[in-house]
Protein backbone atom coordinates (compact mmCIF):
# COMPACT_ATOMS: atom_id res chain seq x y z
CA MET A 1 -10.69 -11.45 42.07
CA ARG A 2 -11.69 -7.93 43.07
CA ALA A 3 -8.76 -5.69 42.97
CA THR A 4 -9.47 -7.23 39.09
CA SER A 5 -12.76 -5.88 38.94
CA SER A 6 -12.26 -1.92 40.23
CA VAL A 7 -9.54 -1.76 37.90
CA LEU A 8 -11.29 -2.60 34.68
CA MET A 9 -13.98 -0.04 36.24
CA VAL A 10 -11.41 2.34 36.31
CA LEU A 11 -9.87 1.55 32.15
CA VAL A 12 -14.08 1.72 31.34
CA CYS A 13 -14.18 4.81 33.13
CA LEU A 14 -11.08 6.13 31.45
CA LEU A 15 -11.68 5.25 28.55
CA VAL A 16 -15.64 6.71 27.81
CA LEU A 17 -13.93 10.15 29.69
CA SER A 18 -11.78 10.16 27.10
CA GLN A 19 -13.63 9.98 24.48
CA GLY A 20 -15.82 13.12 25.62
CA VAL A 21 -11.90 15.23 25.81
CA SER A 22 -10.84 13.91 22.21
CA ALA A 23 -9.45 16.15 19.74
CA GLN A 24 -11.29 15.57 16.11
CA ILE A 25 -10.61 16.86 12.91
CA GLU A 26 -14.56 15.38 11.04
CA LEU A 27 -14.79 15.96 7.36
CA GLU A 28 -17.82 15.83 4.71
CA PRO A 29 -17.96 13.72 2.62
CA LEU A 30 -15.85 11.74 3.65
CA LYS A 31 -14.06 10.08 1.10
CA PRO A 32 -13.49 13.80 -0.60
CA THR A 33 -13.08 14.32 -4.14
CA LYS A 34 -10.58 16.29 -6.76
CA GLY A 35 -11.61 20.10 -7.40
CA GLU A 36 -15.40 19.54 -4.62
CA VAL A 37 -15.99 21.59 -1.75
CA VAL A 38 -14.97 19.71 1.37
CA SER A 39 -16.51 21.50 4.23
CA VAL A 40 -13.78 20.90 8.11
CA THR A 41 -14.58 21.09 11.15
CA VAL A 42 -12.25 21.16 14.21
CA GLU A 43 -12.99 20.56 17.44
CA PRO A 44 -12.12 22.07 19.65
CA PRO A 45 -12.45 24.75 17.37
CA THR A 46 -9.43 26.72 15.69
CA ASP A 47 -8.50 29.94 13.32
CA SER A 48 -6.87 27.84 11.30
CA LEU A 49 -5.31 24.68 9.56
CA LEU A 50 -2.53 23.24 8.15
CA LEU A 51 -3.23 20.51 4.25
CA VAL A 52 0.34 18.93 3.07
CA TYR A 53 -0.27 17.64 0.23
CA ARG A 54 1.61 14.23 -0.17
CA PRO A 55 3.62 14.57 3.41
CA ASN A 56 6.89 12.84 4.20
CA SER A 57 7.74 13.16 0.53
CA ALA A 58 10.27 15.22 -1.46
CA VAL A 59 6.99 16.64 -3.38
CA ALA A 60 5.46 17.91 -0.49
CA ARG A 61 3.40 20.86 -0.78
CA GLU A 62 1.83 23.06 2.54
CA GLU A 63 -1.02 25.05 2.18
CA TRP A 64 -3.07 27.04 4.69
CA VAL A 65 -6.55 27.62 4.84
CA VAL A 66 -7.94 30.20 7.64
CA SER A 67 -10.49 30.73 8.65
CA ASP A 68 -12.16 34.60 9.82
CA GLN A 69 -14.68 33.09 12.46
CA ALA A 70 -13.25 30.95 15.02
CA ASP A 71 -16.15 28.55 14.67
CA GLY A 72 -13.47 25.77 13.89
CA HIS A 73 -15.65 25.19 10.42
CA PHE A 74 -13.56 25.31 7.71
CA GLU A 75 -14.06 24.79 3.42
CA TRP A 76 -11.78 23.49 1.46
CA THR A 77 -11.33 22.38 -2.36
CA PRO A 78 -8.34 19.59 -2.72
CA SER A 79 -6.49 20.72 -5.43
CA ASP A 80 -4.52 17.16 -5.50
CA ALA A 81 -5.08 13.91 -5.18
CA GLY A 82 -3.83 11.38 -3.12
CA VAL A 83 -2.76 11.42 0.75
CA VAL A 84 -3.42 14.85 2.68
CA ALA A 85 -2.17 15.87 6.36
CA MET A 86 -4.05 17.82 8.11
CA ALA A 87 -3.06 19.49 11.24
CA ALA A 88 -5.29 21.80 13.39
CA GLY A 89 -5.06 22.98 17.08
CA GLY A 90 -2.22 20.28 18.29
CA GLN A 91 -5.05 17.37 16.29
CA ALA A 92 -3.58 15.40 13.36
CA ARG A 93 -5.89 13.71 10.34
CA ASN A 94 -4.38 12.16 7.56
CA VAL A 95 -7.31 12.13 4.09
CA SER A 96 -7.13 10.41 0.23
CA VAL A 97 -8.49 12.31 -1.67
CA ARG A 98 -9.63 10.24 -4.33
CA PHE A 99 -9.87 11.25 -8.28
CA ALA A 100 -12.62 13.21 -10.10
CA GLY A 101 -13.18 10.71 -12.90
CA VAL A 102 -10.49 7.89 -13.95
CA SER A 103 -6.85 8.78 -14.74
CA GLU A 104 -6.01 8.28 -18.09
CA SER A 105 -2.27 7.65 -17.47
CA GLY A 106 -3.01 5.52 -15.27
CA ILE A 107 -5.17 3.17 -17.35
CA PHE A 108 -2.29 3.89 -19.45
CA VAL A 109 0.12 2.32 -17.62
CA MET A 110 -1.57 -0.75 -16.82
CA VAL A 111 -2.32 -1.43 -20.54
CA LEU A 112 1.65 -1.34 -21.08
CA ALA A 113 2.11 -3.58 -17.99
CA PHE A 114 -0.11 -6.40 -19.61
CA CYS A 115 0.87 -5.84 -22.51
CA LEU A 116 4.72 -6.11 -21.07
CA LEU A 117 4.03 -8.77 -18.64
CA PHE A 118 2.09 -11.28 -21.12
CA GLY A 119 3.97 -10.30 -23.96
CA GLY A 120 6.87 -11.53 -22.85
CA ALA A 121 5.50 -14.39 -20.92
CA SER A 122 4.28 -15.74 -24.01
CA PHE A 123 7.30 -15.35 -25.92
CA ALA A 124 9.64 -16.83 -23.29
CA PHE A 125 6.87 -20.38 -23.41
CA ARG A 126 6.74 -20.38 -27.53
CA LEU A 127 10.88 -20.04 -26.86
CA LEU A 128 10.75 -22.84 -24.58
CA PHE A 129 7.74 -25.47 -26.02
CA SER A 130 9.52 -24.73 -30.12
CA ASP A 131 10.69 -28.03 -31.00
CA PRO A 132 14.48 -27.80 -32.18
CA GLU A 133 14.78 -29.43 -35.18
CA ALA A 134 12.31 -27.17 -36.62
CA GLY A 135 14.67 -24.90 -38.42
CA LYS A 136 14.70 -22.27 -36.11
CA HIS A 137 17.63 -22.92 -34.36
CA THR A 138 20.79 -23.56 -36.35
CA GLN A 139 22.87 -22.98 -34.92
CA GLU A 140 24.03 -25.56 -32.25
CA LEU A 141 25.41 -24.90 -28.52
CA ASP A 142 28.36 -27.65 -27.91
CA VAL A 143 29.12 -26.76 -24.32
CA SER A 144 31.73 -29.97 -24.21
CA HIS A 145 34.95 -26.50 -24.03
CA ARG A 146 33.07 -25.28 -20.90
CA PRO A 147 33.89 -26.56 -17.80
CA ASP A 148 31.05 -25.23 -15.21
CA THR A 149 28.74 -27.94 -17.19
């Protein structure tokens, strides 16, 4: 029991001390929007910040933000919405940049998907529940010559 409590105390001390020395990249506002200025603070201070738009993709694009002062404070205006990987002084953080408003192309894609999905389902249900004697299906299917049916 004594060994367990001493190990627990050591783990708590390590946890408390590691919080003080961990490097951080902080944003203001926390949820950046495309086209609006974002204040980035890096601790410990550094003079440059690497931004990678859409990391780990074929269309990834890098952007460097350099500060004249070595205080770790940067002003950044996101040019694209999506995931942005930030790296400075051996630290990294992923940030999701939002659109400034509603995306018209996104609304169009959702309406098109709705029409295809529910239009196809309604067509299939009408065909499934239609009366074959109503004259719509004039061709009879003869399956006697097919050995697998």
